[in-house]
Amino acid sequence: MSKTALVVIDMINTYDHKDAELLLPSAERVVPVVTRLLARARDRDVPVIYVNDNFGEWRSHHGEMLDRALAGPHAGLVEPLRPDDASLFVVKARHSIFFETPLTYLLQQQGIGQLVLAGQVTEQCVLYSALDAHIRHFEVIVPRDAVAHIHRDLADAALRMMERNMGARVCDSAELWE
């Protein structure tokens, strides 16, 4: 059986973008859930990989991205999710965690075949990442209470698509690493 990794998508965030006001209420509900998932994953030595948009900051690295988010008005949403020293970090520039990133190679090197996708945005980056994981033959799990959305109806449709079209397991986070 291949290893599982928890992938945290776009949660290192300043929330200074077009749809932030629509996203914030959902993100506020999701942060405690993702925090608990991180704790359970780390307690069980499940690899944690943060994959985060660079938001057009082409000269920044993950430490600068974290510092910027922690210095912003929504630092309370970032602080509980802070990467630890064992966490891996991949910077992306587009919606999918795989698009022109070294993530596939990293997962192969670590012997990881199953991905738990948490983070934001369900109907965008999580959906596209689940599709790209599926076509790369990774097993996908999406805890519905650990993904934030901008539009509830689109998020619900995205979760149905991930389950039906991509064979993803959509579940509650409490079902993982009990």
N, C-alpha and C. Protein backbone atom coordinates (compact mmCIF):
# COMPACT_ATOMS: atom_id res chain seq x y z
N MET A 1 0.84 -1.19 0.00
CA MET A 1 0.00 0.00 0.00
C MET A 1 0.89 1.25 0.00
N SER A 2 0.55 2.20 -0.83
CA SER A 2 1.35 3.41 -0.90
C SER A 2 1.02 4.35 0.25
N LYS A 3 1.92 5.25 0.49
CA LYS A 3 1.76 6.21 1.57
C LYS A 3 0.73 7.29 1.22
N THR A 4 0.23 7.89 2.27
CA THR A 4 -0.72 8.99 2.15
C THR A 4 -0.02 10.27 2.56
N ALA A 5 -0.37 11.37 1.90
CA ALA A 5 0.11 12.70 2.29
C ALA A 5 -1.09 13.62 2.42
N LEU A 6 -0.99 14.54 3.36
CA LEU A 6 -1.97 15.61 3.49
C LEU A 6 -1.44 16.80 2.70
N VAL A 7 -2.23 17.26 1.74
CA VAL A 7 -1.84 18.39 0.91
C VAL A 7 -2.73 19.57 1.29
N VAL A 8 -2.10 20.64 1.75
CA VAL A 8 -2.81 21.85 2.18
C VAL A 8 -2.65 22.88 1.07
N ILE A 9 -3.78 23.23 0.46
CA ILE A 9 -3.78 24.05 -0.75
C ILE A 9 -4.15 25.50 -0.43
N ASP A 10 -3.25 26.41 -0.73
CA ASP A 10 -3.49 27.87 -0.73
C ASP A 10 -3.98 28.46 0.59
N MET A 11 -3.62 27.85 1.70
CA MET A 11 -4.06 28.38 2.99
C MET A 11 -3.11 29.42 3.55
N ILE A 12 -1.92 29.55 3.00
CA ILE A 12 -1.00 30.63 3.38
C ILE A 12 -1.40 31.80 2.49
N ASN A 13 -2.24 32.67 3.03
CA ASN A 13 -2.99 33.59 2.18
C ASN A 13 -3.17 34.92 2.89
N THR A 14 -3.02 36.01 2.16
CA THR A 14 -3.28 37.34 2.72
C THR A 14 -4.75 37.73 2.59
N TYR A 15 -5.49 36.99 1.79
CA TYR A 15 -6.91 37.29 1.52
C TYR A 15 -7.06 38.71 0.99
N ASP A 16 -6.14 39.08 0.14
CA ASP A 16 -6.17 40.38 -0.51
C ASP A 16 -6.35 40.13 -2.02
N HIS A 17 -7.50 39.59 -2.36
CA HIS A 17 -7.78 39.30 -3.77
C HIS A 17 -9.27 39.47 -4.03
N LYS A 18 -9.63 39.39 -5.29
CA LYS A 18 -10.97 39.73 -5.77
C LYS A 18 -12.12 39.08 -5.00
N ASP A 19 -12.05 37.80 -4.75
CA ASP A 19 -13.17 37.08 -4.12
C ASP A 19 -12.98 36.85 -2.63
N ALA A 20 -12.04 37.55 -2.03
CA ALA A 20 -11.71 37.30 -0.62
C ALA A 20 -12.90 37.47 0.31
N GLU A 21 -13.70 38.49 0.11
CA GLU A 21 -14.83 38.72 1.02
C GLU A 21 -15.84 37.58 0.96
N LEU A 22 -15.98 36.95 -0.20
CA LEU A 22 -16.86 35.79 -0.33
C LEU A 22 -16.23 34.53 0.25
N LEU A 23 -14.92 34.45 0.19
CA LEU A 23 -14.19 33.27 0.66
C LEU A 23 -14.00 33.27 2.18
N LEU A 24 -13.82 34.41 2.77
CA LEU A 24 -13.46 34.50 4.19
C LEU A 24 -14.40 33.75 5.14
N PRO A 25 -15.73 33.86 5.02
CA PRO A 25 -16.58 33.12 5.96
C PRO A 25 -16.36 31.60 5.91
N SER A 26 -16.17 31.07 4.72
CA SER A 26 -15.91 29.64 4.58
C SER A 26 -14.53 29.29 5.11
N ALA A 27 -13.55 30.11 4.82
CA ALA A 27 -12.19 29.87 5.31
C ALA A 27 -12.17 29.86 6.84
N GLU A 28 -12.91 30.76 7.45
CA GLU A 28 -12.96 30.81 8.92
C GLU A 28 -13.53 29.52 9.50
N ARG A 29 -14.48 28.90 8.82
CA ARG A 29 -15.04 27.62 9.29
C ARG A 29 -14.06 26.46 9.08
N VAL A 30 -13.27 26.55 8.03
CA VAL A 30 -12.39 25.46 7.64
C VAL A 30 -11.08 25.43 8.45
N VAL A 31 -10.56 26.58 8.83
CA VAL A 31 -9.26 26.62 9.51
C VAL A 31 -9.19 25.70 10.72
N PRO A 32 -10.17 25.68 11.63
CA PRO A 32 -10.06 24.74 12.77
C PRO A 32 -10.05 23.28 12.34
N VAL A 33 -10.77 22.97 11.29
CA VAL A 33 -10.82 21.58 10.80
C VAL A 33 -9.46 21.19 10.22
N VAL A 34 -8.88 22.06 9.40
CA VAL A 34 -7.57 21.78 8.82
C VAL A 34 -6.51 21.71 9.91
N THR A 35 -6.63 22.56 10.92
CA THR A 35 -5.70 22.53 12.05
C THR A 35 -5.73 21.16 12.73
N ARG A 36 -6.91 20.63 12.94
CA ARG A 36 -7.03 19.30 13.55
C ARG A 36 -6.47 18.21 12.63
N LEU A 37 -6.73 18.33 11.33
CA LEU A 37 -6.17 17.37 10.37
C LEU A 37 -4.65 17.39 10.40
N LEU A 38 -4.09 18.60 10.44
CA LEU A 38 -2.63 18.72 10.51
C LEU A 38 -2.09 18.03 11.75
N ALA A 39 -2.72 18.25 12.88
CA ALA A 39 -2.26 17.64 14.13
C ALA A 39 -2.32 16.11 14.05
N ARG A 40 -3.43 15.59 13.52
CA ARG A 40 -3.57 14.13 13.41
C ARG A 40 -2.56 13.56 12.42
N ALA A 41 -2.37 14.24 11.30
CA ALA A 41 -1.39 13.76 10.31
C ALA A 41 0.01 13.76 10.93
N ARG A 42 0.37 14.84 11.60
CA ARG A 42 1.72 14.92 12.18
C ARG A 42 1.90 13.88 13.28
N ASP A 43 0.87 13.62 14.07
CA ASP A 43 0.96 12.61 15.12
C ASP A 43 1.20 11.21 14.55
N ARG A 44 0.77 11.00 13.31
CA ARG A 44 0.90 9.68 12.69
C ARG A 44 2.01 9.65 11.64
N ASP A 45 2.84 10.67 11.63
CA ASP A 45 3.95 10.77 10.66
C ASP A 45 3.48 10.72 9.21
N VAL A 46 2.30 11.24 8.95
CA VAL A 46 1.81 11.39 7.58
C VAL A 46 2.48 12.64 7.01
N PRO A 47 3.13 12.54 5.86
CA PRO A 47 3.76 13.73 5.29
C PRO A 47 2.73 14.84 5.04
N VAL A 48 3.14 16.06 5.33
CA VAL A 48 2.32 17.24 5.09
C VAL A 48 3.02 18.08 4.03
N ILE A 49 2.27 18.37 2.97
CA ILE A 49 2.81 19.17 1.88
C ILE A 49 1.91 20.37 1.67
N TYR A 50 2.47 21.54 1.82
CA TYR A 50 1.75 22.77 1.52
C TYR A 50 2.03 23.09 0.06
N VAL A 51 0.97 23.34 -0.70
CA VAL A 51 1.13 23.81 -2.07
C VAL A 51 0.37 25.12 -2.13
N ASN A 52 1.09 26.18 -2.44
CA ASN A 52 0.51 27.50 -2.30
C ASN A 52 0.78 28.36 -3.52
N ASP A 53 -0.22 29.10 -3.89
CA ASP A 53 -0.10 30.07 -4.97
C ASP A 53 0.90 31.13 -4.56
N ASN A 54 1.68 31.60 -5.53
CA ASN A 54 2.62 32.67 -5.23
C ASN A 54 1.99 34.05 -5.42
N PHE A 55 0.73 34.09 -5.87
CA PHE A 55 -0.02 35.34 -6.04
C PHE A 55 0.77 36.37 -6.85
N GLY A 56 1.51 35.89 -7.84
CA GLY A 56 2.25 36.79 -8.72
C GLY A 56 3.53 37.35 -8.14
N GLU A 57 3.91 36.91 -6.96
CA GLU A 57 5.15 37.37 -6.33
C GLU A 57 6.28 36.44 -6.77
N TRP A 58 6.85 36.70 -7.91
CA TRP A 58 7.79 35.79 -8.54
C TRP A 58 9.13 35.71 -7.83
N ARG A 59 9.43 36.63 -6.96
CA ARG A 59 10.71 36.60 -6.26
C ARG A 59 10.60 36.05 -4.85
N SER A 60 9.40 35.70 -4.44
CA SER A 60 9.23 35.26 -3.06
C SER A 60 9.40 33.75 -2.93
N HIS A 61 9.72 33.33 -1.73
CA HIS A 61 9.77 31.91 -1.41
C HIS A 61 8.78 31.66 -0.27
N HIS A 62 8.65 30.42 0.15
CA HIS A 62 7.59 30.09 1.10
C HIS A 62 7.73 30.84 2.42
N GLY A 63 8.91 31.10 2.88
CA GLY A 63 9.08 31.86 4.13
C GLY A 63 8.56 33.28 4.02
N GLU A 64 8.84 33.90 2.90
CA GLU A 64 8.33 35.26 2.66
C GLU A 64 6.82 35.27 2.51
N MET A 65 6.29 34.25 1.85
CA MET A 65 4.84 34.16 1.70
C MET A 65 4.18 34.01 3.06
N LEU A 66 4.75 33.19 3.92
CA LEU A 66 4.22 33.00 5.26
C LEU A 66 4.32 34.30 6.06
N ASP A 67 5.46 34.95 6.02
CA ASP A 67 5.64 36.22 6.75
C ASP A 67 4.64 37.27 6.30
N ARG A 68 4.42 37.36 5.00
CA ARG A 68 3.47 38.35 4.46
C ARG A 68 2.05 38.05 4.96
N ALA A 69 1.67 36.79 4.93
CA ALA A 69 0.32 36.42 5.39
C ALA A 69 0.17 36.65 6.89
N LEU A 70 1.20 36.36 7.65
CA LEU A 70 1.14 36.56 9.10
C LEU A 70 1.16 38.03 9.49
N ALA A 71 1.64 38.88 8.60
CA ALA A 71 1.66 40.32 8.87
C ALA A 71 0.37 41.01 8.43
N GLY A 72 -0.50 40.28 7.76
CA GLY A 72 -1.72 40.85 7.21
C GLY A 72 -2.88 40.84 8.20
N PRO A 73 -3.99 41.40 7.78
CA PRO A 73 -5.16 41.51 8.66
C PRO A 73 -5.84 40.18 8.97
N HIS A 74 -5.51 39.14 8.23
CA HIS A 74 -6.14 37.83 8.45
C HIS A 74 -5.13 36.81 8.96
N ALA A 75 -4.15 37.27 9.70
CA ALA A 75 -3.11 36.40 10.24
C ALA A 75 -3.70 35.30 11.11
N GLY A 76 -4.82 35.56 11.75
CA GLY A 76 -5.46 34.56 12.60
C GLY A 76 -5.91 33.33 11.83
N LEU A 77 -6.09 33.46 10.52
CA LEU A 77 -6.45 32.30 9.70
C LEU A 77 -5.22 31.52 9.25
N VAL A 78 -4.06 32.14 9.36
CA VAL A 78 -2.83 31.52 8.88
C VAL A 78 -2.03 30.91 10.04
N GLU A 79 -1.96 31.59 11.15
CA GLU A 79 -1.13 31.16 12.28
C GLU A 79 -1.40 29.71 12.70
N PRO A 80 -2.64 29.28 12.84
CA PRO A 80 -2.86 27.88 13.28
C PRO A 80 -2.39 26.84 12.26
N LEU A 81 -2.21 27.28 11.02
CA LEU A 81 -1.85 26.36 9.94
C LEU A 81 -0.37 26.44 9.57
N ARG A 82 0.38 27.15 10.36
CA ARG A 82 1.80 27.40 10.07
C ARG A 82 2.53 26.08 9.81
N PRO A 83 3.29 26.01 8.71
CA PRO A 83 4.09 24.81 8.46
C PRO A 83 5.11 24.58 9.57
N ASP A 84 5.33 23.32 9.91
CA ASP A 84 6.38 23.01 10.89
C ASP A 84 7.65 22.64 10.12
N ASP A 85 8.70 22.30 10.86
CA ASP A 85 9.99 22.03 10.22
C ASP A 85 9.98 20.78 9.34
N ALA A 86 9.04 19.87 9.57
CA ALA A 86 8.97 18.65 8.76
C ALA A 86 8.11 18.83 7.51
N SER A 87 7.36 19.91 7.45
CA SER A 87 6.47 20.13 6.31
C SER A 87 7.26 20.42 5.04
N LEU A 88 6.70 19.96 3.93
CA LEU A 88 7.26 20.28 2.62
C LEU A 88 6.43 21.40 2.03
N PHE A 89 7.01 22.16 1.10
CA PHE A 89 6.32 23.33 0.56
C PHE A 89 6.62 23.42 -0.93
N VAL A 90 5.57 23.52 -1.73
CA VAL A 90 5.68 23.68 -3.18
C VAL A 90 4.94 24.96 -3.56
N VAL A 91 5.57 25.79 -4.34
CA VAL A 91 4.95 27.03 -4.81
C VAL A 91 4.36 26.78 -6.19
N LYS A 92 3.13 27.24 -6.37
CA LYS A 92 2.45 27.10 -7.67
C LYS A 92 2.05 28.48 -8.17
N ALA A 93 1.76 28.56 -9.45
CA ALA A 93 1.37 29.84 -10.04
C ALA A 93 -0.02 29.79 -10.66
N ARG A 94 -0.58 28.62 -10.77
CA ARG A 94 -1.90 28.47 -11.38
C ARG A 94 -2.78 27.64 -10.45
N HIS A 95 -3.95 27.25 -10.92
CA HIS A 95 -4.94 26.59 -10.08
C HIS A 95 -4.51 25.21 -9.58
N SER A 96 -4.00 24.38 -10.45
CA SER A 96 -3.67 23.02 -10.06
C SER A 96 -2.35 22.96 -9.29
N ILE A 97 -2.32 22.10 -8.28
CA ILE A 97 -1.09 21.89 -7.52
C ILE A 97 -0.02 21.22 -8.36
N PHE A 98 -0.41 20.64 -9.49
CA PHE A 98 0.53 19.93 -10.35
C PHE A 98 1.05 20.77 -11.51
N PHE A 99 0.32 21.79 -11.92
CA PHE A 99 0.68 22.51 -13.14
C PHE A 99 2.05 23.18 -13.00
N GLU A 100 3.00 22.63 -13.75
CA GLU A 100 4.37 23.14 -13.82
C GLU A 100 5.02 23.31 -12.45
N THR A 101 4.73 22.34 -11.55
CA THR A 101 5.40 22.29 -10.26
C THR A 101 6.14 20.95 -10.18
N PRO A 102 7.05 20.81 -9.23
CA PRO A 102 7.75 19.53 -9.06
C PRO A 102 6.98 18.53 -8.20
N LEU A 103 5.70 18.76 -7.97
CA LEU A 103 4.95 17.94 -7.04
C LEU A 103 4.90 16.46 -7.44
N THR A 104 4.65 16.15 -8.69
CA THR A 104 4.58 14.74 -9.11
C THR A 104 5.88 14.04 -8.76
N TYR A 105 6.99 14.65 -9.09
CA TYR A 105 8.30 14.06 -8.79
C TYR A 105 8.48 13.89 -7.28
N LEU A 106 8.12 14.89 -6.51
CA LEU A 106 8.23 14.82 -5.05
C LEU A 106 7.40 13.65 -4.51
N LEU A 107 6.16 13.52 -4.96
CA LEU A 107 5.30 12.44 -4.49
C LEU A 107 5.88 11.07 -4.84
N GLN A 108 6.40 10.95 -6.05
CA GLN A 108 7.00 9.68 -6.46
C GLN A 108 8.22 9.35 -5.61
N GLN A 109 9.05 10.34 -5.35
CA GLN A 109 10.25 10.13 -4.54
C GLN A 109 9.91 9.73 -3.12
N GLN A 110 8.79 10.21 -2.61
CA GLN A 110 8.36 9.90 -1.24
C GLN A 110 7.51 8.63 -1.17
N GLY A 111 7.21 8.01 -2.31
CA GLY A 111 6.39 6.80 -2.33
C GLY A 111 4.94 7.06 -1.98
N ILE A 112 4.45 8.24 -2.31
CA ILE A 112 3.09 8.65 -1.96
C ILE A 112 2.16 8.36 -3.13
N GLY A 113 1.08 7.66 -2.84
CA GLY A 113 0.11 7.34 -3.87
C GLY A 113 -1.30 7.80 -3.55
N GLN A 114 -1.48 8.30 -2.33
CA GLN A 114 -2.81 8.75 -1.92
C GLN A 114 -2.69 10.16 -1.35
N LEU A 115 -3.57 11.06 -1.82
CA LEU A 115 -3.54 12.46 -1.40
C LEU A 115 -4.83 12.84 -0.70
N VAL A 116 -4.69 13.44 0.46
CA VAL A 116 -5.82 14.06 1.14
C VAL A 116 -5.71 15.55 0.83
N LEU A 117 -6.69 16.07 0.09
CA LEU A 117 -6.66 17.47 -0.33
C LEU A 117 -7.51 18.30 0.62
N ALA A 118 -6.89 19.31 1.24
CA ALA A 118 -7.58 20.24 2.12
C ALA A 118 -7.18 21.65 1.70
N GLY A 119 -8.03 22.62 2.02
CA GLY A 119 -7.66 24.01 1.72
C GLY A 119 -8.71 24.72 0.91
N GLN A 120 -8.24 25.55 -0.01
CA GLN A 120 -9.15 26.40 -0.75
C GLN A 120 -8.67 26.61 -2.17
N VAL A 121 -9.51 26.83 -3.05
CA VAL A 121 -10.94 26.99 -3.08
C VAL A 121 -11.53 25.73 -3.71
N THR A 122 -12.56 25.17 -3.09
CA THR A 122 -13.14 23.89 -3.51
C THR A 122 -13.45 23.87 -5.00
N GLU A 123 -14.14 24.89 -5.48
CA GLU A 123 -14.61 24.90 -6.86
C GLU A 123 -13.55 25.39 -7.85
N GLN A 124 -12.38 25.66 -7.37
CA GLN A 124 -11.30 26.08 -8.26
C GLN A 124 -10.08 25.19 -8.03
N CYS A 125 -9.16 25.61 -7.20
CA CYS A 125 -7.88 24.91 -7.04
C CYS A 125 -8.02 23.48 -6.54
N VAL A 126 -8.94 23.23 -5.64
CA VAL A 126 -9.12 21.86 -5.14
C VAL A 126 -9.66 20.97 -6.26
N LEU A 127 -10.65 21.45 -6.98
CA LEU A 127 -11.22 20.69 -8.09
C LEU A 127 -10.18 20.38 -9.16
N TYR A 128 -9.44 21.39 -9.60
CA TYR A 128 -8.45 21.19 -10.67
C TYR A 128 -7.32 20.28 -10.20
N SER A 129 -6.97 20.40 -8.92
CA SER A 129 -5.91 19.55 -8.37
C SER A 129 -6.38 18.10 -8.27
N ALA A 130 -7.63 17.89 -7.89
CA ALA A 130 -8.18 16.53 -7.81
C ALA A 130 -8.18 15.89 -9.20
N LEU A 131 -8.57 16.65 -10.20
CA LEU A 131 -8.56 16.13 -11.57
C LEU A 131 -7.15 15.76 -11.99
N ASP A 132 -6.20 16.67 -11.77
CA ASP A 132 -4.83 16.38 -12.16
C ASP A 132 -4.24 15.21 -11.36
N ALA A 133 -4.62 15.07 -10.10
CA ALA A 133 -4.17 13.92 -9.32
C ALA A 133 -4.75 12.62 -9.91
N HIS A 134 -6.02 12.67 -10.25
CA HIS A 134 -6.69 11.50 -10.83
C HIS A 134 -6.02 11.06 -12.13
N ILE A 135 -5.74 11.99 -13.02
CA ILE A 135 -5.14 11.60 -14.30
C ILE A 135 -3.69 11.15 -14.14
N ARG A 136 -3.10 11.44 -12.99
CA ARG A 136 -1.75 10.96 -12.68
C ARG A 136 -1.80 9.68 -11.84
N HIS A 137 -2.97 9.12 -11.68
CA HIS A 137 -3.19 7.85 -10.98
C HIS A 137 -2.93 7.90 -9.48
N PHE A 138 -3.15 9.05 -8.87
CA PHE A 138 -3.12 9.14 -7.42
C PHE A 138 -4.53 8.90 -6.90
N GLU A 139 -4.64 8.26 -5.75
CA GLU A 139 -5.92 8.16 -5.08
C GLU A 139 -6.18 9.49 -4.39
N VAL A 140 -7.41 9.95 -4.43
CA VAL A 140 -7.74 11.27 -3.88
C VAL A 140 -8.82 11.14 -2.81
N ILE A 141 -8.59 11.81 -1.71
CA ILE A 141 -9.58 11.94 -0.64
C ILE A 141 -9.78 13.43 -0.40
N VAL A 142 -11.03 13.84 -0.34
CA VAL A 142 -11.34 15.25 -0.06
C VAL A 142 -12.29 15.30 1.13
N PRO A 143 -11.80 15.73 2.28
CA PRO A 143 -12.70 15.93 3.41
C PRO A 143 -13.52 17.20 3.20
N ARG A 144 -14.81 17.02 3.02
CA ARG A 144 -15.69 18.13 2.63
C ARG A 144 -15.69 19.28 3.64
N ASP A 145 -15.42 18.97 4.90
CA ASP A 145 -15.41 20.02 5.92
C ASP A 145 -14.04 20.69 6.06
N ALA A 146 -13.07 20.28 5.22
CA ALA A 146 -11.73 20.84 5.27
C ALA A 146 -11.37 21.60 3.99
N VAL A 147 -12.40 21.93 3.20
CA VAL A 147 -12.19 22.72 2.00
C VAL A 147 -13.13 23.93 2.01
N ALA A 148 -12.57 25.08 1.72
CA ALA A 148 -13.34 26.33 1.74
C ALA A 148 -13.78 26.69 0.33
N HIS A 149 -14.87 27.43 0.26
CA HIS A 149 -15.44 27.77 -1.04
C HIS A 149 -15.77 29.26 -1.12
N ILE A 150 -15.95 29.70 -2.35
CA ILE A 150 -16.45 31.05 -2.62
C ILE A 150 -17.95 30.97 -2.86
N HIS A 151 -18.36 30.00 -3.66
CA HIS A 151 -19.77 29.81 -3.99
C HIS A 151 -20.21 28.41 -3.57
N ARG A 152 -21.10 28.31 -2.62
CA ARG A 152 -21.54 27.03 -2.07
C ARG A 152 -22.07 26.09 -3.15
N ASP A 153 -22.89 26.59 -4.06
CA ASP A 153 -23.47 25.72 -5.08
C ASP A 153 -22.40 25.13 -5.99
N LEU A 154 -21.42 25.93 -6.35
CA LEU A 154 -20.34 25.43 -7.19
C LEU A 154 -19.45 24.45 -6.43
N ALA A 155 -19.25 24.72 -5.15
CA ALA A 155 -18.45 23.81 -4.32
C ALA A 155 -19.15 22.45 -4.21
N ASP A 156 -20.45 22.46 -3.99
CA ASP A 156 -21.20 21.21 -3.91
C ASP A 156 -21.10 20.43 -5.22
N ALA A 157 -21.23 21.14 -6.33
CA ALA A 157 -21.10 20.49 -7.63
C ALA A 157 -19.69 19.96 -7.84
N ALA A 158 -18.69 20.72 -7.41
CA ALA A 158 -17.30 20.28 -7.55
C ALA A 158 -17.04 19.01 -6.75
N LEU A 159 -17.55 18.95 -5.53
CA LEU A 159 -17.38 17.75 -4.72
C LEU A 159 -18.06 16.54 -5.37
N ARG A 160 -19.24 16.76 -5.94
CA ARG A 160 -19.93 15.67 -6.64
C ARG A 160 -19.11 15.21 -7.85
N MET A 161 -18.55 16.17 -8.59
CA MET A 161 -17.73 15.82 -9.75
C MET A 161 -16.49 15.04 -9.33
N MET A 162 -15.84 15.48 -8.25
CA MET A 162 -14.64 14.77 -7.79
C MET A 162 -14.98 13.33 -7.44
N GLU A 163 -16.10 13.15 -6.76
CA GLU A 163 -16.51 11.81 -6.34
C GLU A 163 -16.93 10.96 -7.54
N ARG A 164 -17.79 11.50 -8.35
CA ARG A 164 -18.37 10.73 -9.46
C ARG A 164 -17.40 10.55 -10.62
N ASN A 165 -16.79 11.63 -11.07
CA ASN A 165 -15.98 11.59 -12.29
C ASN A 165 -14.52 11.23 -12.06
N MET A 166 -14.03 11.45 -10.83
CA MET A 166 -12.61 11.23 -10.57
C MET A 166 -12.37 10.11 -9.56
N GLY A 167 -13.45 9.52 -9.07
CA GLY A 167 -13.30 8.43 -8.11
C GLY A 167 -12.76 8.86 -6.77
N ALA A 168 -12.84 10.15 -6.47
CA ALA A 168 -12.35 10.64 -5.18
C ALA A 168 -13.27 10.16 -4.06
N ARG A 169 -12.68 9.94 -2.93
CA ARG A 169 -13.46 9.66 -1.73
C ARG A 169 -13.74 11.00 -1.07
N VAL A 170 -15.00 11.37 -0.99
CA VAL A 170 -15.41 12.60 -0.32
C VAL A 170 -16.01 12.17 1.01
N CYS A 171 -15.46 12.71 2.09
CA CYS A 171 -15.85 12.26 3.42
C CYS A 171 -15.76 13.43 4.41
N ASP A 172 -16.03 13.15 5.66
CA ASP A 172 -15.81 14.13 6.72
C ASP A 172 -14.40 13.93 7.26
N SER A 173 -13.78 15.00 7.70
CA SER A 173 -12.40 14.91 8.19
C SER A 173 -12.27 13.98 9.38
N ALA A 174 -13.32 13.84 10.18
CA ALA A 174 -13.27 12.97 11.36
C ALA A 174 -13.05 11.51 10.98
N GLU A 175 -13.32 11.15 9.73
CA GLU A 175 -13.12 9.77 9.28
C GLU A 175 -11.67 9.45 8.98
N LEU A 176 -10.81 10.46 8.97
CA LEU A 176 -9.41 10.27 8.63
C LEU A 176 -8.55 10.18 9.88
N TRP A 177 -7.68 9.21 9.91
CA TRP A 177 -6.69 9.07 10.99
C TRP A 177 -7.34 9.09 12.37
N GLU A 178 -8.40 8.33 12.53
CA GLU A 178 -9.10 8.28 13.82
C GLU A 178 -8.27 7.60 14.87
